[in-house]
Amino acid sequence: MLKYIDYYEVLEVPKTASEKEIKQAYRKLAREYHPDLHQGRTKTEAEEKFKLINEAYEVLGDAEKRARYDQLGMGWKEGDEINVDPSDMNGYTYTDHGPADFDLGPFGFSDFFFNIFGQDFIHTRQESRRTQPTAFKGEDINAEIGLTIDELIHGTERELYLTAPSLCIACAGQRFTREGICCSCKGTGITDEFKTVKVKIPAGLHPGASLRLKGLGGKGYGSGASGDLYLQIRVVPHGPWQIQGSDLESEIVIYPDQAVLGDTMQVTTPHGTVQVKIQSGTHTGQKLRLKGKGLPKENGFGDLYFRICIDILPAETEREKELYRKLRELRRNGRKM
């Protein structure tokens, strides 16, 4: 009886894994254990592992085969338990799908792949030629983009350099060609497409938002549409602004006469220049709140806080020094003339 192989364990995914998670796990492991990337003893071990990875993906990557495997185990191909003579298998387990339609001569590629993949490799090749896919939608791409406070508020245009997964043209995503494992994609069915795109970032995006750019993802195959690009927005600290969630904080410097008597002054915010009123009796450490002048958030904008810092101008003339002396006398005498 065929030895049970846990294909989920082979691909290092749970039994509840989604189709996308299975595909991602397969690509990662196929690249890691591809025989061309190994030498000596590790190459032999990689070939064994690579064979199992492809065998597992052939089953778990197909919804119908996966359902039969979950129900019947290793008897999923025939619908019940399969009994074979292990002495004829050279350590491999497979079901006979009929003679190959290509040469297994000693100088061809096929002999090597037959030894690694067994008769399933031949079956996969025959099946893939009978059922060539006509169209596949390109994969969606998730990327992160850092925007300054000014770019978040006012919008911008960026040139992005992306690596997008695309269905391998050489093997149509089947992982094999007539010569064996596809050389273009190294048996993964996917190749990386490098592209540069210009994107317009609209004004008012908040940190944590996701911007969908239709058709800028992975290239589709055949008549399949391209995938989408999803940009995850994060804020990059910039300028004098300290970020506190959706609020901003900065410092404003005033002079003693302004703090004592009050004043009106212009300040620069990320939204432009505005006038603020300094109340009489203001002291260092107090905060001025400007409502709605902070970062964008889901419903509007956060606030901007200016922290007051009082600076002492040096007395450069005798008249100024004399005024300071009078102020000191007032304090010492209990503010009585």
Protein backbone atom coordinates (compact mmCIF):
# COMPACT_ATOMS: atom_id res chain seq x y z
CA MET A 1 0.00 0.00 0.00
CA LEU A 2 1.28 3.48 -0.81
CA LYS A 3 2.97 5.24 2.05
CA TYR A 4 0.96 8.25 3.21
CA ILE A 5 2.65 11.59 2.57
CA ASP A 6 1.32 14.68 4.29
CA TYR A 7 1.37 17.17 1.44
CA TYR A 8 0.41 20.01 3.78
CA GLU A 9 3.49 19.29 5.85
CA VAL A 10 5.62 19.14 2.69
CA LEU A 11 4.50 22.66 1.71
CA GLU A 12 4.68 23.82 5.35
CA VAL A 13 1.08 25.07 5.40
CA PRO A 14 -1.90 24.21 7.63
CA LYS A 15 -4.80 22.17 6.27
CA THR A 16 -6.91 25.31 6.35
CA ALA A 17 -4.51 27.17 4.02
CA SER A 18 -6.09 29.16 1.21
CA GLU A 19 -5.26 28.67 -2.46
CA LYS A 20 -3.14 31.82 -2.37
CA GLU A 21 -1.19 30.67 0.71
CA ILE A 22 -0.50 27.29 -0.92
CA LYS A 23 0.74 28.98 -4.09
CA GLN A 24 3.01 31.33 -2.13
CA ALA A 25 4.44 28.45 -0.07
CA TYR A 26 5.09 26.44 -3.23
CA ARG A 27 6.97 29.26 -4.93
CA LYS A 28 9.11 29.91 -1.88
CA LEU A 29 10.07 26.25 -1.43
CA ALA A 30 10.53 25.58 -5.15
CA ARG A 31 13.06 28.38 -5.38
CA GLU A 32 14.80 27.28 -2.20
CA TYR A 33 15.19 23.62 -3.20
CA HIS A 34 15.65 23.93 -6.96
CA PRO A 35 18.46 21.42 -7.85
CA ASP A 36 20.31 23.98 -9.98
CA LEU A 37 21.01 26.01 -6.84
CA HIS A 38 22.76 23.17 -4.97
CA GLN A 39 25.99 21.17 -5.28
CA GLY A 40 27.21 17.74 -4.20
CA ARG A 41 25.25 15.92 -1.50
CA THR A 42 22.91 18.83 -0.94
CA LYS A 43 21.96 18.70 -4.62
CA THR A 44 20.72 15.12 -4.21
CA GLU A 45 18.76 16.08 -1.12
CA ALA A 46 17.36 19.11 -2.93
CA GLU A 47 16.22 16.94 -5.85
CA GLU A 48 14.29 14.68 -3.46
CA LYS A 49 12.72 17.65 -1.71
CA PHE A 50 11.97 19.40 -5.00
CA LYS A 51 10.21 16.30 -6.28
CA LEU A 52 8.01 16.15 -3.15
CA ILE A 53 7.24 19.88 -3.32
CA ASN A 54 6.04 19.59 -6.92
CA GLU A 55 4.07 16.44 -6.10
CA ALA A 56 2.39 18.18 -3.18
CA TYR A 57 1.57 21.27 -5.23
CA GLU A 58 0.13 19.20 -8.06
CA VAL A 59 -2.45 17.94 -5.58
CA LEU A 60 -3.02 20.86 -3.20
CA GLY A 61 -2.86 23.44 -5.97
CA ASP A 62 -5.90 21.90 -7.66
CA ALA A 63 -9.18 22.28 -5.77
CA GLU A 64 -10.66 19.01 -7.06
CA LYS A 65 -7.52 16.95 -6.43
CA ARG A 66 -7.13 18.52 -3.00
CA ALA A 67 -10.68 17.56 -2.04
CA ARG A 68 -10.08 13.94 -3.09
CA TYR A 69 -6.76 13.88 -1.24
CA ASP A 70 -8.36 15.22 1.95
CA GLN A 71 -10.98 12.46 1.72
CA LEU A 72 -8.95 9.51 0.40
CA GLY A 73 -5.33 10.25 1.23
CA MET A 74 -2.82 8.67 -1.13
CA GLY A 75 -5.62 6.84 -2.93
CA TRP A 76 -6.99 10.12 -4.30
CA LYS A 77 -6.05 9.26 -7.91
CA GLU A 78 -7.97 6.01 -8.13
CA GLY A 79 -10.66 6.63 -5.56
CA ASP A 80 -9.46 3.95 -3.11
CA GLU A 81 -6.29 2.39 -1.73
CA ILE A 82 -3.65 1.52 -4.34
CA ASN A 83 -1.50 -1.60 -3.86
CA VAL A 84 1.80 -1.79 -5.68
CA ASP A 85 5.06 -3.67 -5.38
CA PRO A 86 7.56 -1.33 -3.69
CA SER A 87 10.47 -3.24 -5.25
CA ASP A 88 9.50 -1.86 -8.66
CA MET A 89 9.37 1.75 -7.50
CA ASN A 90 13.01 2.58 -6.78
CA GLY A 91 11.85 4.36 -3.64
CA TYR A 92 9.18 6.44 -5.42
CA THR A 93 5.42 6.11 -5.39
CA TYR A 94 3.33 6.81 -8.47
CA THR A 95 0.41 5.61 -10.54
CA ASP A 96 1.01 4.35 -14.08
CA HIS A 97 -0.60 6.74 -16.57
CA GLY A 98 0.53 4.97 -19.74
CA PRO A 99 3.61 5.26 -21.92
CA ALA A 100 5.42 8.56 -22.40
CA ASP A 101 5.11 10.41 -25.68
CA PHE A 102 8.71 11.55 -25.71
CA ASP A 103 12.11 9.89 -25.71
CA LEU A 104 13.59 8.55 -22.45
CA GLY A 105 17.00 7.94 -24.02
CA PRO A 106 20.23 8.11 -22.00
CA PHE A 107 21.30 11.42 -23.49
CA GLY A 108 18.01 13.29 -23.12
CA PHE A 109 16.68 15.46 -20.32
CA SER A 110 13.69 13.23 -19.76
CA ASP A 111 15.60 10.40 -18.07
CA PHE A 112 16.80 12.74 -15.35
CA PHE A 113 13.35 14.18 -14.71
CA PHE A 114 11.76 10.73 -14.81
CA ASN A 115 14.13 9.62 -12.02
CA ILE A 116 13.22 12.67 -9.95
CA PHE A 117 9.51 12.99 -10.60
CA GLY A 118 8.51 9.46 -11.61
CA GLN A 119 5.65 8.75 -13.97
CA ASP A 120 3.65 11.69 -12.56
CA PHE A 121 5.97 14.00 -14.47
CA ILE A 122 4.99 12.31 -17.73
CA HIS A 123 1.32 12.50 -16.82
CA THR A 124 1.61 16.18 -15.95
CA ARG A 125 3.23 16.93 -19.30
CA GLN A 126 0.57 15.05 -21.22
CA GLU A 127 -2.22 16.68 -19.25
CA SER A 128 -0.80 20.18 -19.59
CA ARG A 129 -0.63 19.86 -23.36
CA ARG A 130 -4.26 18.76 -23.49
CA THR A 131 -5.52 21.54 -21.22
CA GLN A 132 -3.49 24.65 -22.02
CA PRO A 133 -4.95 27.63 -20.15
CA THR A 134 -6.22 30.44 -22.35
CA ALA A 135 -6.25 33.28 -19.85
CA PHE A 136 -5.06 34.12 -16.35
CA LYS A 137 -5.57 37.34 -14.43
CA GLY A 138 -2.33 38.91 -13.27
CA GLU A 139 -1.53 38.85 -9.57
CA ASP A 140 -2.21 41.79 -7.27
CA ILE A 141 0.84 43.50 -5.80
CA ASN A 142 1.03 44.87 -2.27
CA ALA A 143 3.65 47.56 -1.69
CA GLU A 144 4.38 50.23 0.89
CA ILE A 145 5.02 53.88 0.14
CA GLY A 146 6.28 56.51 2.56
CA LEU A 147 4.87 60.02 2.12
CA THR A 148 5.88 63.24 3.82
CA ILE A 149 3.30 65.25 5.74
CA ASP A 150 3.11 67.73 2.87
CA GLU A 151 2.54 64.91 0.32
CA LEU A 152 -0.21 63.38 2.44
CA ILE A 153 -2.06 66.68 2.68
CA HIS A 154 -1.53 68.05 -0.82
CA GLY A 155 -0.92 64.91 -2.91
CA THR A 156 2.03 64.17 -5.19
CA GLU A 157 3.25 62.15 -8.15
CA ARG A 158 5.76 59.35 -7.71
CA GLU A 159 7.79 57.04 -9.94
CA LEU A 160 7.81 53.52 -8.48
CA TYR A 161 10.10 50.61 -9.34
CA LEU A 162 8.20 47.36 -8.91
CA THR A 163 8.83 43.65 -9.16
CA ALA A 164 5.64 41.97 -10.30
CA PRO A 165 5.05 38.19 -10.51
CA SER A 166 3.85 37.14 -13.95
CA LEU A 167 2.86 33.81 -15.45
CA CYS A 168 5.83 32.29 -17.25
CA ILE A 169 5.37 32.68 -21.01
CA ALA A 170 7.77 29.84 -21.85
CA CYS A 171 5.71 27.16 -20.09
CA ALA A 172 2.38 28.99 -19.75
CA GLY A 173 2.63 28.53 -16.00
CA GLN A 174 2.73 24.71 -16.27
CA ARG A 175 6.29 24.53 -14.78
CA PHE A 176 7.46 22.05 -17.44
CA THR A 177 8.31 22.18 -21.14
CA ARG A 178 9.00 19.28 -23.51
CA GLU A 179 12.63 19.34 -22.37
CA GLY A 180 11.77 19.06 -18.67
CA ILE A 181 11.66 21.70 -15.94
CA CYS A 182 11.12 25.12 -17.50
CA CYS A 183 14.43 26.98 -17.63
CA SER A 184 12.79 30.40 -17.70
CA CYS A 185 10.96 30.09 -14.38
CA LYS A 186 13.03 27.27 -12.78
CA GLY A 187 9.94 25.13 -12.41
CA THR A 188 7.86 27.66 -10.46
CA GLY A 189 5.52 28.67 -13.28
CA ILE A 190 6.16 32.32 -12.41
CA THR A 191 8.72 34.87 -13.57
CA ASP A 192 9.48 38.30 -12.13
CA GLU A 193 8.64 41.30 -14.26
CA PHE A 194 10.48 44.52 -13.45
CA LYS A 195 8.68 47.69 -14.35
CA THR A 196 8.58 51.40 -13.61
CA VAL A 197 5.23 53.12 -13.14
CA LYS A 198 4.24 56.71 -12.48
CA VAL A 199 1.42 57.04 -10.00
CA LYS A 200 -0.56 60.05 -8.89
CA ILE A 201 -1.13 60.15 -5.13
CA PRO A 202 -4.33 62.06 -4.34
CA ALA A 203 -4.47 64.65 -1.58
CA GLY A 204 -5.91 63.77 1.82
CA LEU A 205 -4.66 60.19 2.26
CA HIS A 206 -4.19 59.19 5.87
CA PRO A 207 -1.44 56.93 7.28
CA GLY A 208 -2.59 53.30 7.18
CA ALA A 209 -4.82 53.83 4.16
CA SER A 210 -4.60 51.49 1.16
CA LEU A 211 -4.61 53.02 -2.33
CA ARG A 212 -5.75 50.70 -5.14
CA LEU A 213 -4.28 51.36 -8.58
CA LYS A 214 -6.17 49.26 -11.08
CA GLY A 215 -4.18 47.33 -13.69
CA LEU A 216 -0.73 48.21 -12.30
CA GLY A 217 -0.14 44.78 -10.74
CA GLY A 218 1.18 41.59 -12.33
CA LYS A 219 0.75 41.16 -16.06
CA GLY A 220 -2.10 38.89 -17.14
CA TYR A 221 -1.61 35.89 -19.42
CA GLY A 222 -3.42 35.49 -22.71
CA SER A 223 -6.57 37.58 -22.57
CA GLY A 224 -6.42 37.83 -18.78
CA ALA A 225 -6.49 41.30 -17.21
CA SER A 226 -3.53 42.67 -15.28
CA GLY A 227 -3.69 42.59 -11.50
CA ASP A 228 -3.97 45.65 -9.28
CA LEU A 229 -1.39 47.51 -7.23
CA TYR A 230 -2.25 48.19 -3.58
CA LEU A 231 -0.13 50.87 -1.91
CA GLN A 232 -0.09 50.88 1.88
CA ILE A 233 0.39 54.48 3.04
CA ARG A 234 2.78 55.40 5.85
CA VAL A 235 3.97 58.82 6.96
CA VAL A 236 7.63 59.84 6.90
CA PRO A 237 8.71 62.38 9.57
CA HIS A 238 9.62 65.62 7.86
CA GLY A 239 10.39 69.20 8.87
CA PRO A 240 9.72 70.57 12.35
CA TRP A 241 6.60 68.48 12.94
CA GLN A 242 6.37 65.77 15.57
CA ILE A 243 3.71 63.16 14.81
CA GLN A 244 1.25 62.08 17.50
CA GLY A 245 -1.29 59.85 15.73
CA SER A 246 -3.19 62.19 13.43
CA ASP A 247 -2.07 65.25 15.43
CA LEU A 248 1.09 67.28 14.87
CA GLU A 249 3.18 69.23 17.33
CA SER A 250 5.83 71.89 16.90
CA GLU A 251 7.40 74.77 18.82
CA ILE A 252 6.71 78.49 18.61
CA VAL A 253 9.13 81.05 20.01
CA ILE A 254 7.85 84.31 21.54
CA TYR A 255 9.52 87.11 23.47
CA PRO A 256 8.88 88.31 27.04
CA ASP A 257 6.81 91.34 26.00
CA GLN A 258 4.56 89.11 23.86
CA ALA A 259 4.16 86.65 26.73
CA VAL A 260 3.29 89.44 29.19
CA LEU A 261 1.16 91.70 27.00
CA GLY A 262 -0.16 89.24 24.43
CA ASP A 263 0.19 89.57 20.67
CA THR A 264 -1.01 88.41 17.26
CA MET A 265 1.52 86.68 15.01
CA GLN A 266 1.74 84.64 11.82
CA VAL A 267 2.83 80.98 11.97
CA THR A 268 3.49 78.42 9.27
CA THR A 269 1.49 75.18 9.29
CA PRO A 270 1.46 72.21 6.85
CA HIS A 271 -1.76 73.72 5.47
CA GLY A 272 -0.33 77.21 4.94
CA THR A 273 0.26 80.40 6.95
CA VAL A 274 -2.28 81.41 9.59
CA GLN A 275 -2.55 84.05 12.31
CA VAL A 276 -2.60 83.02 15.98
CA LYS A 277 -3.38 85.06 19.08
CA ILE A 278 -0.97 84.96 22.02
CA GLN A 279 -2.88 85.55 25.24
CA SER A 280 -1.40 87.92 27.82
CA GLY A 281 0.29 86.06 30.65
CA THR A 282 1.36 83.13 28.46
CA HIS A 283 4.21 81.07 29.90
CA THR A 284 6.70 78.52 28.59
CA GLY A 285 5.28 75.05 27.99
CA GLN A 286 1.74 76.15 27.23
CA LYS A 287 0.22 74.84 24.00
CA LEU A 288 -1.79 76.57 21.30
CA ARG A 289 -4.24 74.30 19.50
CA LEU A 290 -5.09 74.85 15.85
CA LYS A 291 -8.07 72.64 15.06
CA GLY A 292 -8.01 70.70 11.79
CA LYS A 293 -4.43 71.67 10.88
CA GLY A 294 -2.91 68.23 11.52
CA LEU A 295 -2.66 65.05 9.43
CA PRO A 296 -5.49 63.63 7.35
CA LYS A 297 -7.56 60.96 9.09
CA GLU A 298 -10.58 58.91 8.09
CA ASN A 299 -13.00 61.71 8.92
CA GLY A 300 -11.27 65.03 8.39
CA PHE A 301 -7.97 66.15 9.88
CA GLY A 302 -6.21 65.98 13.21
CA ASP A 303 -5.07 69.06 15.15
CA LEU A 304 -1.84 71.04 15.27
CA TYR A 305 -0.33 72.04 18.62
CA PHE A 306 2.27 74.77 19.08
CA ARG A 307 4.32 74.47 22.27
CA ILE A 308 5.27 77.92 23.63
CA CYS A 309 8.95 78.71 24.20
CA ILE A 310 9.90 82.16 25.55
CA ASP A 311 13.22 83.53 24.34
CA ILE A 312 15.12 86.32 26.10
CA LEU A 313 16.59 88.93 23.81
CA PRO A 314 19.94 90.30 24.97
CA ALA A 315 19.97 93.94 26.11
CA GLU A 316 22.16 95.66 23.53
CA THR A 317 21.69 99.30 24.58
CA GLU A 318 21.86 101.20 27.88
CA ARG A 319 18.19 102.13 27.53
CA GLU A 320 17.24 98.43 27.34
CA LYS A 321 19.40 97.62 30.33
CA GLU A 322 17.79 100.41 32.29
CA LEU A 323 14.31 99.02 31.56
CA TYR A 324 15.42 95.59 32.79
CA ARG A 325 16.74 97.17 35.99
CA LYS A 326 13.35 98.79 36.59
CA LEU A 327 11.59 95.45 36.03
CA ARG A 328 13.92 93.85 38.58
CA GLU A 329 13.24 96.58 41.11
CA LEU A 330 9.50 96.10 40.64
CA ARG A 331 9.81 92.38 41.40
CA ARG A 332 12.01 92.97 44.43
CA ASN A 333 9.69 95.61 45.82
CA GLY A 334 6.58 93.58 45.37
CA ARG A 335 5.75 95.32 42.10
CA LYS A 336 5.25 98.71 43.88
CA MET A 337 6.81 101.89 42.54
